[in-house]
Amino acid sequence: MASRPDSTRTGPGRLLIAIYALFALSASARAAVQIATKFSHAPVAYLLSAFAGVVYILAAVTLAVGTPTARRIAVLSCSVELAGVLAVGTWSLADPATFPDATVWSSYGSGYGFVPLVLPVFGLLWLRRWTRRSRARTTTVTSAEDAGAAAGGDAAHGEGAAPGQGAEDVVADGRT
């Protein structure tokens, strides 16, 4: 299936989706093993890792789908991720006893090269680009009829055009 040119899964979006998918897999698998084998050791850390895995799955899927609704959900998931990294990062540094084992978001993602800290920022910037692009498309005048309507008349039917001037004349000489 080829990507539509108006999809978030083109260009750098492919890399974002791949990284989100990798983090979704790693955070979810790690949390599942930790919860199944040693939950009582660090329940807060393991539950936060599971939550991070769900956020990464949601971000990867919605970025891959790329529809306007999916993009809105992706903005929400990237925002939750950024807030989570900042909150858990601060909490893990302020109260290390709560985190005997690290989460993907502990110490702002330092165990993962700070990728969890910068990934949502890049995701939000990428999504912002698509939001601006789709808004620009909806406001672009694309035909002589639309141009005439925007000027206060319907040039195709002679409204808003000079007397005796039809839509063809508006397009040909560029004036109404």
Protein backbone atom coordinates (compact mmCIF):
# COMPACT_ATOMS: atom_id res chain seq x y z
CA MET A 1 0.00 0.00 0.00
CA ALA A 2 1.50 3.32 -1.06
CA SER A 3 1.41 6.27 1.33
CA ARG A 4 -0.79 9.17 0.37
CA PRO A 5 1.18 12.39 -0.13
CA ASP A 6 -0.92 13.97 2.64
CA SER A 7 -0.07 11.26 5.17
CA THR A 8 2.10 11.46 8.28
CA ARG A 9 3.74 8.18 7.24
CA THR A 10 5.87 9.77 4.52
CA GLY A 11 9.45 11.01 4.79
CA PRO A 12 10.62 11.51 8.39
CA GLY A 13 7.24 10.22 9.58
CA ARG A 14 8.37 6.71 8.67
CA LEU A 15 11.32 7.00 11.03
CA LEU A 16 9.08 8.33 13.82
CA ILE A 17 6.67 5.42 13.34
CA ALA A 18 9.55 2.92 13.39
CA ILE A 19 10.99 4.38 16.61
CA TYR A 20 7.56 4.50 18.26
CA ALA A 21 6.92 0.88 17.23
CA LEU A 22 10.30 -0.19 18.63
CA PHE A 23 9.62 1.59 21.92
CA ALA A 24 6.09 0.14 22.02
CA LEU A 25 7.47 -3.36 21.67
CA SER A 26 10.34 -2.92 24.11
CA ALA A 27 8.43 -1.04 26.82
CA SER A 28 5.42 -3.39 26.64
CA ALA A 29 7.50 -6.58 26.65
CA ARG A 30 9.71 -5.34 29.46
CA ALA A 31 6.71 -4.33 31.57
CA ALA A 32 4.92 -7.63 30.92
CA VAL A 33 7.93 -9.66 32.06
CA GLN A 34 8.52 -7.44 35.11
CA ILE A 35 4.86 -7.48 36.16
CA ALA A 36 4.65 -11.26 35.69
CA THR A 37 7.89 -12.12 37.50
CA LYS A 38 8.64 -9.52 40.17
CA PHE A 39 5.73 -7.08 40.50
CA SER A 40 6.12 -6.69 44.28
CA HIS A 41 9.71 -5.44 43.88
CA ALA A 42 8.81 -2.14 42.15
CA PRO A 43 5.08 -1.95 41.33
CA VAL A 44 5.06 1.78 40.53
CA ALA A 45 7.94 1.48 38.08
CA TYR A 46 6.48 -1.57 36.35
CA LEU A 47 3.01 -0.08 36.01
CA LEU A 48 4.48 3.14 34.61
CA SER A 49 6.47 1.08 32.10
CA ALA A 50 3.26 -0.66 31.04
CA PHE A 51 1.51 2.69 30.69
CA ALA A 52 4.43 3.99 28.61
CA GLY A 53 4.11 0.94 26.38
CA VAL A 54 0.41 1.68 25.79
CA VAL A 55 1.22 5.32 24.97
CA TYR A 56 3.91 4.22 22.50
CA ILE A 57 1.53 1.75 20.83
CA LEU A 58 -1.14 4.44 20.49
CA ALA A 59 1.36 6.92 19.03
CA ALA A 60 2.78 4.39 16.55
CA VAL A 61 -0.64 3.28 15.31
CA THR A 62 -2.12 6.76 14.99
CA LEU A 63 0.96 8.13 13.23
CA ALA A 64 0.82 5.18 10.82
CA VAL A 65 -2.89 5.66 10.08
CA GLY A 66 -2.37 9.35 9.34
CA THR A 67 -6.00 10.46 9.00
CA PRO A 68 -7.07 13.80 10.52
CA THR A 69 -8.73 12.00 13.46
CA ALA A 70 -5.69 9.77 13.96
CA ARG A 71 -3.44 12.84 13.92
CA ARG A 72 -5.51 14.43 16.70
CA ILE A 73 -5.16 11.24 18.77
CA ALA A 74 -1.42 11.19 17.99
CA VAL A 75 -1.09 14.77 19.27
CA LEU A 76 -2.78 13.69 22.49
CA SER A 77 -0.57 10.60 22.88
CA CYS A 78 2.64 12.55 22.19
CA SER A 79 1.53 15.21 24.68
CA VAL A 80 0.79 12.57 27.33
CA GLU A 81 4.16 11.01 26.61
CA LEU A 82 6.01 14.31 27.03
CA ALA A 83 4.13 15.08 30.26
CA GLY A 84 4.87 11.54 31.49
CA VAL A 85 8.57 11.77 30.73
CA LEU A 86 8.82 15.11 32.52
CA ALA A 87 6.72 14.02 35.52
CA VAL A 88 8.27 10.57 35.96
CA GLY A 89 11.76 11.91 35.24
CA THR A 90 11.39 14.53 37.95
CA TRP A 91 9.72 12.09 40.36
CA SER A 92 12.44 9.45 39.84
CA LEU A 93 15.15 11.99 40.65
CA ALA A 94 13.29 13.51 43.61
CA ASP A 95 12.28 10.17 45.18
CA PRO A 96 14.59 7.39 43.95
CA ALA A 97 13.24 4.96 46.57
CA THR A 98 9.97 4.76 44.63
CA PHE A 99 11.91 3.51 41.60
CA PRO A 100 14.18 0.64 42.68
CA ASP A 101 14.02 -0.44 39.02
CA ALA A 102 14.00 2.11 36.23
CA THR A 103 11.17 2.77 33.82
CA VAL A 104 11.59 3.90 30.24
CA TRP A 105 10.81 7.43 31.48
CA SER A 106 13.03 7.40 34.64
CA SER A 107 15.63 10.15 34.77
CA TYR A 108 14.05 11.63 31.62
CA GLY A 109 14.86 8.50 29.64
CA SER A 110 18.59 8.57 30.35
CA GLY A 111 18.76 4.77 30.15
CA TYR A 112 17.57 5.06 26.55
CA GLY A 113 19.83 7.91 25.49
CA PHE A 114 17.14 10.50 26.31
CA VAL A 115 15.17 9.37 23.25
CA PRO A 116 11.97 9.24 25.35
CA LEU A 117 12.46 12.93 26.11
CA VAL A 118 13.05 14.13 22.54
CA LEU A 119 10.77 11.69 20.70
CA PRO A 120 7.48 13.35 21.66
CA VAL A 121 8.90 16.76 20.79
CA PHE A 122 9.77 15.54 17.28
CA GLY A 123 6.41 13.81 17.06
CA LEU A 124 4.54 16.98 17.99
CA LEU A 125 6.59 19.06 15.54
CA TRP A 126 5.87 16.56 12.74
CA LEU A 127 2.16 16.59 13.56
CA ARG A 128 2.16 20.39 13.68
CA ARG A 129 3.59 20.43 10.16
CA TRP A 130 0.72 18.26 8.95
CA THR A 131 -1.88 20.37 10.75
CA ARG A 132 -0.56 23.52 9.08
CA ARG A 133 -0.37 21.76 5.72
CA SER A 134 -3.97 20.53 5.90
CA ARG A 135 -5.22 23.98 7.00
CA ALA A 136 -3.41 25.60 4.07
CA ARG A 137 -5.08 23.18 1.66
CA THR A 138 -8.58 23.96 2.92
CA THR A 139 -8.12 27.70 2.46
CA THR A 140 -6.53 27.57 -1.01
CA VAL A 141 -8.70 28.90 -3.81
CA THR A 142 -8.58 26.28 -6.53
CA SER A 143 -10.87 27.38 -9.35
CA ALA A 144 -12.28 30.43 -11.13
CA GLU A 145 -15.69 29.67 -9.62
CA ASP A 146 -14.23 29.70 -6.11
CA ALA A 147 -12.32 32.90 -6.92
CA GLY A 148 -15.50 34.58 -8.11
CA ALA A 149 -17.42 33.40 -5.04
CA ALA A 150 -14.60 34.63 -2.80
CA ALA A 151 -14.76 38.03 -4.53
CA GLY A 152 -18.46 38.31 -3.74
CA GLY A 153 -20.09 36.81 -6.78
CA ASP A 154 -20.26 33.79 -9.01
CA ALA A 155 -18.00 34.47 -11.99
CA ALA A 156 -19.16 31.32 -13.75
CA HIS A 157 -22.62 32.81 -14.00
CA GLY A 158 -21.56 36.36 -14.63
CA GLU A 159 -21.97 37.54 -11.02
CA GLY A 160 -19.11 39.67 -9.68
CA ALA A 161 -17.53 39.87 -13.13
CA ALA A 162 -17.39 42.83 -15.46
CA PRO A 163 -20.44 43.20 -17.75
CA GLY A 164 -20.30 40.64 -20.53
CA GLN A 165 -17.44 38.76 -18.88
CA GLY A 166 -17.88 35.03 -18.14
CA ALA A 167 -15.74 32.57 -16.21
CA GLU A 168 -13.52 31.96 -19.22
CA ASP A 169 -12.67 35.67 -19.42
CA VAL A 170 -11.90 35.84 -15.71
CA VAL A 171 -9.42 32.98 -16.05
CA ALA A 172 -7.92 34.30 -19.29
CA ASP A 173 -7.25 37.89 -18.25
CA GLY A 174 -7.07 37.44 -14.45
CA ARG A 175 -9.50 40.24 -13.56
CA THR A 176 -13.12 40.32 -12.53
